[in-house]
C-alpha atoms as a PDB file:
ATOM      1  CA  MET A   1      12.536 -14.734  65.088  1.00  0.00           C
ATOM      2  CA  ASN A   2       9.335 -15.336  63.049  1.00  0.00           C
ATOM      3  CA  LYS A   3       6.172 -15.533  64.779  1.00  0.00           C
ATOM      4  CA  PRO A   4       4.146 -18.916  64.647  1.00  0.00           C
ATOM      5  CA  ALA A   5       1.654 -17.082  62.435  1.00  0.00           C
ATOM      6  CA  ASP A   6       4.480 -16.489  59.950  1.00  0.00           C
ATOM      7  CA  LYS A   7       5.436 -20.197  59.869  1.00  0.00           C
ATOM      8  CA  LEU A   8       5.692 -21.538  56.292  1.00  0.00           C
ATOM      9  CA  THR A   9       4.627 -24.980  55.194  1.00  0.00           C
ATOM     10  CA  VAL A  10       6.337 -27.612  53.062  1.00  0.00           C
ATOM     11  CA  ALA A  11       4.437 -29.384  50.415  1.00  0.00           C
ATOM     12  CA  ILE A  12       5.460 -32.935  49.431  1.00  0.00           C
ATOM     13  CA  VAL A  13       4.181 -33.986  46.138  1.00  0.00           C
ATOM     14  CA  ASP A  14       4.941 -37.574  45.279  1.00  0.00           C
ATOM     15  CA  ASP A  15       2.968 -40.618  43.987  1.00  0.00           C
ATOM     16  CA  ASP A  16       4.745 -42.895  46.340  1.00  0.00           C
ATOM     17  CA  PRO A  17       2.755 -43.142  49.702  1.00  0.00           C
ATOM     18  CA  ASP A  18       5.743 -44.529  51.735  1.00  0.00           C
ATOM     19  CA  PHE A  19       8.104 -41.887  50.522  1.00  0.00           C
ATOM     20  CA  ARG A  20       5.631 -39.243  51.391  1.00  0.00           C
ATOM     21  CA  ASP A  21       5.181 -40.606  54.848  1.00  0.00           C
ATOM     22  CA  SER A  22       8.848 -40.993  55.523  1.00  0.00           C
ATOM     23  CA  LEU A  23       9.565 -37.525  54.336  1.00  0.00           C
ATOM     24  CA  ARG A  24       6.776 -36.029  56.240  1.00  0.00           C
ATOM     25  CA  TRP A  25       8.194 -37.686  59.427  1.00  0.00           C
ATOM     26  CA  LEU A  26      11.596 -36.423  58.694  1.00  0.00           C
ATOM     27  CA  LEU A  27      10.582 -32.766  58.191  1.00  0.00           C
ATOM     28  CA  ALA A  28       8.172 -32.888  61.254  1.00  0.00           C
ATOM     29  CA  SER A  29      10.963 -34.171  63.386  1.00  0.00           C
ATOM     30  CA  VAL A  30      12.556 -30.541  63.084  1.00  0.00           C
ATOM     31  CA  ASP A  31       9.252 -28.878  63.657  1.00  0.00           C
ATOM     32  CA  LEU A  32       8.441 -28.133  59.960  1.00  0.00           C
ATOM     33  CA  SER A  33       4.712 -27.941  59.050  1.00  0.00           C
ATOM     34  CA  VAL A  34       4.051 -30.282  56.148  1.00  0.00           C
ATOM     35  CA  ARG A  35       1.150 -31.119  53.780  1.00  0.00           C
ATOM     36  CA  CYS A  36       1.273 -34.100  51.395  1.00  0.00           C
ATOM     37  CA  TYR A  37      -0.315 -34.625  47.920  1.00  0.00           C
ATOM     38  CA  PRO A  38      -0.360 -37.702  45.613  1.00  0.00           C
ATOM     39  CA  ASP A  39       0.050 -35.860  42.389  1.00  0.00           C
ATOM     40  CA  GLY A  40       0.555 -32.455  40.898  1.00  0.00           C
ATOM     41  CA  GLU A  41      -3.069 -31.766  40.145  1.00  0.00           C
ATOM     42  CA  SER A  42      -4.311 -31.998  43.818  1.00  0.00           C
ATOM     43  CA  PHE A  43      -1.400 -29.829  44.914  1.00  0.00           C
ATOM     44  CA  LEU A  44      -2.136 -27.055  42.357  1.00  0.00           C
ATOM     45  CA  GLU A  45      -5.802 -27.162  43.389  1.00  0.00           C
ATOM     46  CA  ASP A  46      -4.820 -26.541  47.125  1.00  0.00           C
ATOM     47  CA  LEU A  47      -2.267 -23.861  46.903  1.00  0.00           C
ATOM     48  CA  GLN A  48      -2.259 -21.925  50.179  1.00  0.00           C
ATOM     49  CA  PRO A  49      -0.571 -18.561  51.089  1.00  0.00           C
ATOM     50  CA  ASP A  50       1.533 -20.105  53.790  1.00  0.00           C
ATOM     51  CA  LEU A  51       3.363 -22.350  51.295  1.00  0.00           C
ATOM     52  CA  GLY A  52       7.196 -21.886  51.663  1.00  0.00           C
ATOM     53  CA  CYS A  53       8.592 -24.798  49.784  1.00  0.00           C
ATOM     54  CA  VAL A  54       7.539 -27.612  47.551  1.00  0.00           C
ATOM     55  CA  LEU A  55       9.333 -30.923  47.194  1.00  0.00           C
ATOM     56  CA  LEU A  56       8.333 -32.414  43.822  1.00  0.00           C
ATOM     57  CA  ASP A  57       8.942 -35.891  42.348  1.00  0.00           C
ATOM     58  CA  VAL A  58      10.274 -35.083  38.909  1.00  0.00           C
ATOM     59  CA  ARG A  59       8.311 -38.100  37.345  1.00  0.00           C
ATOM     60  CA  MET A  60       4.786 -38.705  38.371  1.00  0.00           C
ATOM     61  CA  PRO A  61       1.435 -39.830  36.604  1.00  0.00           C
ATOM     62  CA  GLY A  62      -0.538 -37.041  35.199  1.00  0.00           C
ATOM     63  CA  LEU A  63       1.451 -33.634  35.629  1.00  0.00           C
ATOM     64  CA  SER A  64       5.245 -34.262  35.968  1.00  0.00           C
ATOM     65  CA  GLY A  65       7.185 -32.296  38.487  1.00  0.00           C
ATOM     66  CA  ILE A  66       8.530 -30.022  35.575  1.00  0.00           C
ATOM     67  CA  GLN A  67       4.972 -29.217  34.349  1.00  0.00           C
ATOM     68  CA  VAL A  68       3.965 -28.336  38.019  1.00  0.00           C
ATOM     69  CA  LEU A  69       6.955 -25.938  38.189  1.00  0.00           C
ATOM     70  CA  GLU A  70       5.856 -24.408  34.896  1.00  0.00           C
ATOM     71  CA  ARG A  71       2.260 -23.903  36.134  1.00  0.00           C
ATOM     72  CA  LEU A  72       3.596 -22.185  39.434  1.00  0.00           C
ATOM     73  CA  LYS A  73       5.798 -19.874  37.164  1.00  0.00           C
ATOM     74  CA  GLU A  74       2.729 -19.034  35.028  1.00  0.00           C
ATOM     75  CA  ARG A  75       0.869 -18.007  38.196  1.00  0.00           C
ATOM     76  CA  ASP A  76       3.915 -16.128  39.376  1.00  0.00           C
ATOM     77  CA  GLU A  77       3.875 -17.999  42.589  1.00  0.00           C
ATOM     78  CA  LYS A  78       6.763 -17.008  44.767  1.00  0.00           C
ATOM     79  CA  VAL A  79       7.782 -20.309  46.285  1.00  0.00           C
ATOM     80  CA  ALA A  80      11.018 -22.303  46.189  1.00  0.00           C
ATOM     81  CA  ASP A  81      10.780 -25.588  44.538  1.00  0.00           C
ATOM     82  CA  ILE A  82      13.070 -28.528  45.164  1.00  0.00           C
ATOM     83  CA  SER A  83      13.001 -31.351  42.628  1.00  0.00           C
ATOM     84  CA  VAL A  84      13.392 -34.866  43.953  1.00  0.00           C
ATOM     85  CA  THR A  85      14.707 -37.461  41.416  1.00  0.00           C
ATOM     86  CA  GLU A  86      15.679 -40.930  40.845  1.00  0.00           C
ATOM     87  CA  HIS A  87      19.102 -41.443  39.178  1.00  0.00           C
ATOM     88  CA  GLY A  88      17.698 -41.765  35.636  1.00  0.00           C
ATOM     89  CA  ASP A  89      15.692 -38.453  35.849  1.00  0.00           C
ATOM     90  CA  VAL A  90      18.835 -36.366  36.859  1.00  0.00           C
ATOM     91  CA  PRO A  91      19.226 -34.747  33.433  1.00  0.00           C
ATOM     92  CA  MET A  92      15.614 -33.671  33.572  1.00  0.00           C
ATOM     93  CA  ALA A  93      16.028 -32.196  36.970  1.00  0.00           C
ATOM     94  CA  VAL A  94      19.147 -30.343  35.938  1.00  0.00           C
ATOM     95  CA  HIS A  95      17.264 -28.777  33.009  1.00  0.00           C
ATOM     96  CA  ALA A  96      14.619 -27.550  35.331  1.00  0.00           C
ATOM     97  CA  LEU A  97      17.410 -26.112  37.581  1.00  0.00           C
ATOM     98  CA  THR A  98      19.275 -24.397  34.751  1.00  0.00           C
ATOM     99  CA  ALA A  99      16.005 -23.070  33.199  1.00  0.00           C
ATOM    100  CA  GLY A 100      15.335 -21.219  36.377  1.00  0.00           C
ATOM    101  CA  ARG A 101      12.274 -23.259  37.367  1.00  0.00           C
ATOM    102  CA  ALA A 102      13.748 -25.255  40.342  1.00  0.00           C
ATOM    103  CA  PHE A 103      15.555 -23.862  43.375  1.00  0.00           C
ATOM    104  CA  GLU A 104      17.439 -27.142  43.816  1.00  0.00           C
ATOM    105  CA  PHE A 105      17.291 -30.830  43.014  1.00  0.00           C
ATOM    106  CA  ILE A 106      17.968 -33.739  45.223  1.00  0.00           C
ATOM    107  CA  GLU A 107      18.708 -37.280  44.144  1.00  0.00           C
ATOM    108  CA  LYS A 108      17.165 -40.273  45.879  1.00  0.00           C
ATOM    109  CA  PRO A 109      18.456 -41.956  48.139  1.00  0.00           C
ATOM    110  CA  PHE A 110      19.331 -38.693  49.881  1.00  0.00           C
ATOM    111  CA  ASN A 111      21.086 -37.763  53.075  1.00  0.00           C
ATOM    112  CA  ASP A 112      18.554 -36.743  55.701  1.00  0.00           C
ATOM    113  CA  GLN A 113      20.443 -33.768  57.133  1.00  0.00           C
ATOM    114  CA  HIS A 114      21.037 -32.462  53.614  1.00  0.00           C
ATOM    115  CA  MET A 115      17.252 -32.682  52.804  1.00  0.00           C
ATOM    116  CA  ILE A 116      16.537 -30.714  56.043  1.00  0.00           C
ATOM    117  CA  ASP A 117      19.152 -28.054  55.293  1.00  0.00           C
ATOM    118  CA  SER A 118      17.850 -27.676  51.755  1.00  0.00           C
ATOM    119  CA  VAL A 119      14.322 -27.316  52.760  1.00  0.00           C
ATOM    120  CA  GLN A 120      15.128 -24.718  55.402  1.00  0.00           C
ATOM    121  CA  GLU A 121      17.291 -22.829  52.812  1.00  0.00           C
ATOM    122  CA  ALA A 122      14.266 -23.057  50.391  1.00  0.00           C
ATOM    123  CA  ILE A 123      11.837 -21.645  53.005  1.00  0.00           C
ATOM    124  CA  ASN A 124      14.149 -18.713  53.821  1.00  0.00           C
ATOM    125  CA  HIS A 125      14.479 -17.937  50.053  1.00  0.00           C
ATOM    126  CA  THR A 126      10.747 -17.868  49.816  1.00  0.00           C
ATOM    127  CA  ARG A 127      10.470 -15.735  52.738  1.00  0.00           C
ATOM    128  CA  LYS A 128      13.013 -13.161  51.533  1.00  0.00           C
ATOM    129  CA  GLN A 129      11.262 -13.114  47.986  1.00  0.00           C
ATOM    130  CA  ARG A 130       7.917 -12.403  49.490  1.00  0.00           C
ATOM    131  CA  GLU A 131       9.482  -9.581  51.663  1.00  0.00           C
ATOM    132  CA  GLU A 132      11.124  -8.052  48.798  1.00  0.00           C
ATOM    133  CA  SER A 133       8.069  -8.293  46.624  1.00  0.00           C
ATOM    134  CA  ALA A 134       5.937  -6.727  49.381  1.00  0.00           C
ATOM    135  CA  TYR A 135       8.547  -3.765  49.820  1.00  0.00           C
ATOM    136  CA  LEU A 136       8.517  -3.180  46.041  1.00  0.00           C
ATOM    137  CA  ASP A 137       4.669  -3.048  45.972  1.00  0.00           C
ATOM    138  CA  GLN A 138       4.786  -0.536  48.849  1.00  0.00           C
ATOM    139  CA  LEU A 139       7.342   1.614  46.972  1.00  0.00           C
ATOM    140  CA  ARG A 140       5.168   1.725  43.750  1.00  0.00           C
ATOM    141  CA  GLN A 141       2.205   2.709  45.749  1.00  0.00           C
ATOM    142  CA  ARG A 142       3.893   5.453  47.360  1.00  0.00           C
ATOM    143  CA  PHE A 143       5.250   6.626  44.033  1.00  0.00           C
ATOM    144  CA  ARG A 144       2.038   6.572  42.256  1.00  0.00           C
ATOM    145  CA  ALA A 145       0.489   8.684  45.168  1.00  0.00           C
ATOM    146  CA  LEU A 146       2.978  11.525  44.547  1.00  0.00           C
ATOM    147  CA  LYS A 147       1.905  14.523  42.406  1.00  0.00           C
ATOM    148  CA  PRO A 148       3.222  14.526  38.797  1.00  0.00           C
ATOM    149  CA  LYS A 149       5.588  17.411  39.515  1.00  0.00           C
ATOM    150  CA  GLU A 150       6.987  15.417  42.589  1.00  0.00           C
ATOM    151  CA  GLN A 151       7.498  12.406  40.461  1.00  0.00           C
ATOM    152  CA  GLN A 152       9.356  14.285  37.715  1.00  0.00           C
ATOM    153  CA  ILE A 153      11.669  16.017  40.248  1.00  0.00           C
ATOM    154  CA  LEU A 154      12.566  12.754  41.917  1.00  0.00           C
ATOM    155  CA  ARG A 155      13.292  11.170  38.567  1.00  0.00           C
ATOM    156  CA  HIS A 156      15.662  14.109  37.912  1.00  0.00           C
ATOM    157  CA  ALA A 157      17.125  13.921  41.350  1.00  0.00           C
ATOM    158  CA  ALA A 158      17.769  10.143  40.928  1.00  0.00           C
ATOM    159  CA  GLU A 159      19.499  10.931  37.585  1.00  0.00           C
ATOM    160  CA  GLY A 160      22.078  13.083  39.385  1.00  0.00           C
ATOM    161  CA  LEU A 161      20.679  16.551  38.684  1.00  0.00           C
ATOM    162  CA  THR A 162      21.224  19.295  41.093  1.00  0.00           C
ATOM    163  CA  SER A 163      18.430  21.515  42.410  1.00  0.00           C
ATOM    164  CA  ARG A 164      19.455  24.322  40.103  1.00  0.00           C
ATOM    165  CA  GLN A 165      19.578  21.930  36.947  1.00  0.00           C
ATOM    166  CA  ILE A 166      16.114  20.523  38.027  1.00  0.00           C
ATOM    167  CA  SER A 167      14.857  24.067  38.225  1.00  0.00           C
ATOM    168  CA  ASP A 168      16.063  24.728  34.768  1.00  0.00           C
ATOM    169  CA  CYS A 169      14.433  21.677  33.453  1.00  0.00           C
ATOM    170  CA  MET A 170      11.089  22.413  35.091  1.00  0.00           C
ATOM    171  CA  ASP A 171      11.063  26.166  34.893  1.00  0.00           C
ATOM    172  CA  VAL A 172      10.816  26.705  38.662  1.00  0.00           C
ATOM    173  CA  SER A 173      13.229  28.367  41.080  1.00  0.00           C
ATOM    174  CA  PRO A 174      16.000  26.328  42.624  1.00  0.00           C
ATOM    175  CA  LYS A 175      14.409  26.800  46.163  1.00  0.00           C
ATOM    176  CA  THR A 176      11.029  25.422  44.917  1.00  0.00           C
ATOM    177  CA  ALA A 177      12.756  22.543  43.200  1.00  0.00           C
ATOM    178  CA  GLU A 178      14.564  21.732  46.487  1.00  0.00           C
ATOM    179  CA  ILE A 179      11.343  22.040  48.618  1.00  0.00           C
ATOM    180  CA  TYR A 180       9.587  19.697  46.138  1.00  0.00           C
ATOM    181  CA  ARG A 181      12.632  17.182  46.227  1.00  0.00           C
ATOM    182  CA  VAL A 182      12.761  17.125  50.108  1.00  0.00           C
ATOM    183  CA  ARG A 183       9.043  16.750  50.487  1.00  0.00           C
ATOM    184  CA  ALA A 184       8.883  14.009  47.739  1.00  0.00           C
ATOM    185  CA  MET A 185      11.721  12.111  49.336  1.00  0.00           C
ATOM    186  CA  LYS A 186       9.966  12.227  52.663  1.00  0.00           C
ATOM    187  CA  LYS A 187       6.801  10.880  51.220  1.00  0.00           C
ATOM    188  CA  MET A 188       8.778   7.952  49.785  1.00  0.00           C
ATOM    189  CA  GLY A 189      10.316   7.310  53.160  1.00  0.00           C
ATOM    190  CA  ALA A 190      13.958   7.960  51.628  1.00  0.00           C
ATOM    191  CA  SER A 191      16.259   8.986  54.489  1.00  0.00           C
ATOM    192  CA  SER A 192      18.928  10.489  51.966  1.00  0.00           C
ATOM    193  CA  LEU A 193      19.483  10.944  48.423  1.00  0.00           C
ATOM    194  CA  LEU A 194      21.438   7.684  48.136  1.00  0.00           C
ATOM    195  CA  HIS A 195      18.512   5.947  49.709  1.00  0.00           C
ATOM    196  CA  TRP A 196      16.133   7.363  47.156  1.00  0.00           C
ATOM    197  CA  VAL A 197      18.470   6.499  44.263  1.00  0.00           C
ATOM    198  CA  ARG A 198      18.378   2.780  45.487  1.00  0.00           C
ATOM    199  CA  MET A 199      14.593   3.065  45.527  1.00  0.00           C
ATOM    200  CA  ALA A 200      14.548   4.497  42.067  1.00  0.00           C
ATOM    201  CA  GLU A 201      16.748   1.546  40.868  1.00  0.00           C
ATOM    202  CA  ALA A 202      14.355  -0.901  42.494  1.00  0.00           C
ATOM    203  CA  LEU A 203      11.397   0.811  40.747  1.00  0.00           C
ATOM    204  CA  LYS A 204      13.394   0.916  37.512  1.00  0.00           C
ATOM    205  CA  LEU A 205      12.899   4.599  37.182  1.00  0.00           C
ATOM    206  CA  LEU A 206      16.344   5.311  35.860  1.00  0.00           C
ATOM    207  CA  ARG A 207      17.163   5.272  32.075  1.00  0.00           C
ATOM    208  CA  PRO A 208      20.106   3.464  30.796  1.00  0.00           C
ATOM    209  CA  LEU A 209      23.254   5.570  31.226  1.00  0.00           C
ATOM    210  CA  ASN A 210      23.812   5.776  27.241  1.00  0.00           C
ATOM    211  CA  THR A 211      20.456   7.446  26.904  1.00  0.00           C
ATOM    212  CA  LEU A 212      21.127  10.103  29.510  1.00  0.00           C
ATOM    213  CA  THR A 213      22.003  13.496  28.188  1.00  0.00           C
ATOM    214  CA  GLU A 214      24.470  15.971  29.719  1.00  0.00           C
ATOM    215  CA  PRO A 215      22.356  18.272  31.995  1.00  0.00           C
ATOM    216  CA  SER A 216      22.452  21.882  30.821  1.00  0.00           C
ATOM    217  CA  GLY A 217      24.413  24.261  33.203  1.00  0.00           C
ATOM    218  CA  ASN A 218      23.529  27.764  34.228  1.00  0.00           C
ATOM    219  CA  GLY A 219      25.069  29.191  31.037  1.00  0.00           C
ATOM    220  CA  SER A 220      28.381  30.268  32.724  1.00  0.00           C
ATOM    221  CA  ASP A 221      31.814  28.898  31.594  1.00  0.00           C
END
């Protein structure tokens, strides 16, 4: 269970004050924290790190909901967006969804329970995205902290080379290659070779399969 300090907030961005108030009440009734904004400009000026989901009216004076989504994407903000639309704006909302800008769209009038479920899903999606991003940043920092030879050995190990094949590539003894590999994997926090390969995939260290050359053997038939 998340601690209160980890609680993420929902932003409601809509130029209709009655709609904002009714939606705030609905979400607050299930213990969701809510902030309201009358337009996209004020919302973007007040972006805060606890934002977990934004409910955007597609058509508003000033910046439209789609334009707000584009600004969020430009800033690489990891927050799930739900576009709230009138019937006539559905094609616009579908475009935002298929273009990868919106997490979901909901048409007015909506079912209250569907709205609550969608917001909670969006918050969970945001939390998962941020956890994955933080984990990837941590992996990058660990890999950058390795010595160049350790980095090279781990790249070879992820590509499936044995300690003897690595020793041939790097002109070191197989025992030295194995010691370096084990030590570097420990620094990365990898519990096994398979675990390290998954880390290497996340770090995009592996070359495409069609660019990998057949590793040289030990010269015996």
